[in-house]
């Protein structure tokens, strides 16, 4: 089930971020390193609260009452960029490959089409996250640019930061 995030979801959302950052298989999917694990629940609650005040979207995906994924879409604030915004998301590893990411993004598309001012949804994805890139392409996102070796991992390896966008019109 998809629903709007509530302040009480902050702890679960931080838990998902921690899980992804600390996992051996997904650690390289986020720009944050294991040394930068989010832990401030009050700060996350504030993000959720401000998201709605700014007419952004913050949603969670629940399975049997437990939050297993989230998606946040933030409109850009500069006047010349207000027609666009960026998305970020995370899903607990045990719930990946079940269509949850697709459902979250489809919810965003539906919501964004009702917001007459949104024309473009942007995202950044690390080049090693091939599973997510495949989903984004299947849903209609196109690559607009690539920052080579933008992310440097603790082991000395690099990842590109791929800039992708979906056009609503």
Protein backbone atom coordinates (compact mmCIF):
# COMPACT_ATOMS: atom_id res chain seq x y z
CA UNK A 1 0.00 0.00 0.00
CA UNK A 2 1.23 3.49 -0.86
CA UNK A 3 0.36 6.40 1.39
CA UNK A 4 1.61 9.86 2.25
CA UNK A 5 4.48 9.80 4.74
CA UNK A 6 3.71 10.87 8.28
CA UNK A 7 6.12 12.20 10.86
CA UNK A 8 6.00 8.88 12.73
CA UNK A 9 7.49 7.20 9.61
CA UNK A 10 10.80 9.04 10.11
CA UNK A 11 12.42 6.22 12.08
CA UNK A 12 11.48 3.58 9.48
CA UNK A 13 12.76 5.77 6.63
CA UNK A 14 16.08 6.31 8.39
CA UNK A 15 16.22 2.55 8.95
CA UNK A 16 15.83 1.93 5.22
CA UNK A 17 18.59 4.43 4.40
CA UNK A 18 20.90 2.83 6.97
CA UNK A 19 20.19 -0.64 5.63
CA UNK A 20 21.01 0.40 2.05
CA UNK A 21 24.19 2.28 3.01
CA UNK A 22 25.51 -0.53 5.23
CA UNK A 23 24.63 -3.44 2.94
CA UNK A 24 27.49 -5.06 1.01
CA UNK A 25 25.28 -5.35 -2.08
CA UNK A 26 23.66 -1.90 -2.04
CA UNK A 27 26.15 0.34 -0.23
CA UNK A 28 27.40 1.82 -3.49
CA UNK A 29 23.88 2.82 -4.58
CA UNK A 30 23.78 5.93 -2.36
CA UNK A 31 26.23 8.82 -2.42
CA UNK A 32 26.36 8.74 1.39
CA UNK A 33 29.17 6.63 2.80
CA UNK A 34 28.90 4.27 5.78
CA UNK A 35 30.55 7.09 7.77
CA UNK A 36 27.57 9.37 7.00
CA UNK A 37 24.69 7.25 8.19
CA UNK A 38 21.56 9.31 8.87
CA UNK A 39 20.42 9.04 12.47
CA UNK A 40 18.54 12.23 13.35
CA UNK A 41 14.89 11.21 13.55
CA UNK A 42 13.79 14.75 14.37
CA UNK A 43 15.50 16.07 11.26
CA UNK A 44 13.70 13.45 9.14
CA UNK A 45 10.38 14.38 10.78
CA UNK A 46 11.07 17.99 9.84
CA UNK A 47 11.78 16.95 6.21
CA UNK A 48 8.43 15.16 6.08
CA UNK A 49 6.59 18.14 7.59
CA UNK A 50 8.27 20.70 5.30
CA UNK A 51 7.69 18.49 2.27
CA UNK A 52 3.96 19.05 2.50
CA UNK A 53 4.30 22.73 3.38
CA UNK A 54 6.23 23.22 0.12
CA UNK A 55 3.74 21.16 -1.94
CA UNK A 56 6.24 18.38 -2.50
CA UNK A 57 5.54 14.66 -2.32
CA UNK A 58 6.78 12.26 0.34
CA UNK A 59 5.28 8.77 0.20
CA UNK A 60 5.92 5.39 1.76
CA UNK A 61 5.16 1.83 0.69
CA UNK A 62 3.81 -0.45 3.39
CA UNK A 63 3.66 -4.22 3.56
CA UNK A 64 1.61 -5.63 6.45
CA UNK A 65 1.84 -2.31 8.29
CA UNK A 66 5.62 -1.98 7.93
CA UNK A 67 7.27 0.74 5.84
CA UNK A 68 9.54 -1.04 3.34
CA UNK A 69 10.12 1.77 0.84
CA UNK A 70 9.87 5.51 0.37
CA UNK A 71 9.94 8.12 -2.37
CA UNK A 72 10.44 11.85 -2.01
CA UNK A 73 9.96 14.43 -4.75
CA UNK A 74 11.13 17.98 -4.14
CA UNK A 75 10.28 20.81 -6.49
CA UNK A 76 13.15 23.11 -7.33
CA UNK A 77 12.72 26.46 -5.61
CA UNK A 78 14.25 28.90 -8.11
CA UNK A 79 11.61 30.63 -10.23
CA UNK A 80 13.13 29.42 -13.50
CA UNK A 81 13.29 25.83 -12.25
CA UNK A 82 9.83 25.52 -10.66
CA UNK A 83 8.55 23.42 -13.56
CA UNK A 84 10.89 20.62 -12.42
CA UNK A 85 11.98 18.75 -9.33
CA UNK A 86 14.03 15.78 -8.22
CA UNK A 87 13.16 12.41 -6.78
CA UNK A 88 14.93 10.12 -4.39
CA UNK A 89 13.86 6.74 -3.13
CA UNK A 90 14.87 3.67 -1.19
CA UNK A 91 13.53 0.16 -0.73
CA UNK A 92 14.52 -2.47 1.83
CA UNK A 93 16.70 -5.05 0.10
CA UNK A 94 14.41 -7.97 0.88
CA UNK A 95 11.58 -6.18 -0.98
CA UNK A 96 13.47 -5.30 -4.15
CA UNK A 97 12.56 -6.92 -7.48
CA UNK A 98 8.88 -6.98 -6.48
CA UNK A 99 7.71 -3.92 -8.42
CA UNK A 100 7.61 -1.58 -5.43
CA UNK A 101 9.92 0.99 -7.04
CA UNK A 102 7.79 0.97 -10.18
CA UNK A 103 4.61 1.48 -8.15
CA UNK A 104 6.15 4.37 -6.21
CA UNK A 105 7.27 6.10 -9.42
CA UNK A 106 3.92 5.51 -11.12
CA UNK A 107 2.25 7.12 -8.08
CA UNK A 108 4.60 10.09 -8.51
CA UNK A 109 3.74 10.35 -12.23
CA UNK A 110 0.02 10.34 -11.44
CA UNK A 111 0.42 12.94 -8.69
CA UNK A 112 2.71 15.15 -10.81
CA UNK A 113 0.26 15.20 -13.74
CA UNK A 114 -2.34 16.70 -11.39
CA UNK A 115 0.10 19.47 -10.36
CA UNK A 116 -0.24 21.66 -13.42
CA UNK A 117 3.14 23.31 -12.86
CA UNK A 118 5.34 20.19 -13.00
CA UNK A 119 6.78 19.32 -16.42
CA UNK A 120 9.96 17.42 -15.62
CA UNK A 121 11.03 14.87 -13.00
CA UNK A 122 14.78 14.58 -12.50
CA UNK A 123 16.92 12.07 -10.67
CA UNK A 124 20.52 11.11 -10.15
CA UNK A 125 21.53 7.47 -10.06
CA UNK A 126 24.94 5.94 -9.45
CA UNK A 127 26.17 4.01 -12.50
CA UNK A 128 26.70 0.80 -10.48
CA UNK A 129 22.98 0.65 -9.68
CA UNK A 130 22.11 -1.17 -12.90
CA UNK A 131 18.84 -2.55 -11.54
CA UNK A 132 17.48 0.96 -10.85
CA UNK A 133 18.73 2.32 -14.18
CA UNK A 134 16.88 -0.45 -15.98
CA UNK A 135 13.64 0.41 -14.12
CA UNK A 136 14.02 4.13 -14.80
CA UNK A 137 14.57 3.54 -18.53
CA UNK A 138 11.61 1.16 -18.72
CA UNK A 139 9.41 3.84 -17.14
CA UNK A 140 10.48 6.46 -19.69
CA UNK A 141 13.38 8.28 -18.05
CA UNK A 142 16.15 9.35 -20.41
CA UNK A 143 19.80 9.95 -19.62
CA UNK A 144 20.62 13.64 -19.89
CA UNK A 145 24.18 13.62 -18.68
CA UNK A 146 26.87 11.82 -16.79
CA UNK A 147 29.40 13.06 -14.30
CA UNK A 148 32.34 10.69 -14.75
CA UNK A 149 34.06 9.40 -11.61
CA UNK A 150 31.86 11.71 -9.52
CA UNK A 151 31.64 9.24 -6.64
CA UNK A 152 34.81 7.86 -5.07
CA UNK A 153 34.30 4.84 -2.84
CA UNK A 154 36.31 3.90 0.21
CA UNK A 155 38.06 1.10 -1.74
CA UNK A 156 39.37 3.62 -4.30
CA UNK A 157 36.94 2.66 -7.07
CA UNK A 158 34.70 5.19 -8.80
CA UNK A 159 31.12 5.48 -9.96
CA UNK A 160 29.55 7.88 -12.42
CA UNK A 161 26.60 10.02 -11.42
CA UNK A 162 23.98 9.59 -14.14
CA UNK A 163 21.48 12.43 -14.58
CA UNK A 164 18.09 11.23 -15.84
CA UNK A 165 14.76 12.91 -16.50
CA UNK A 166 11.15 12.11 -17.29
CA UNK A 167 9.09 14.66 -19.23
CA UNK A 168 5.41 14.82 -18.34
CA UNK A 169 4.36 16.76 -21.45
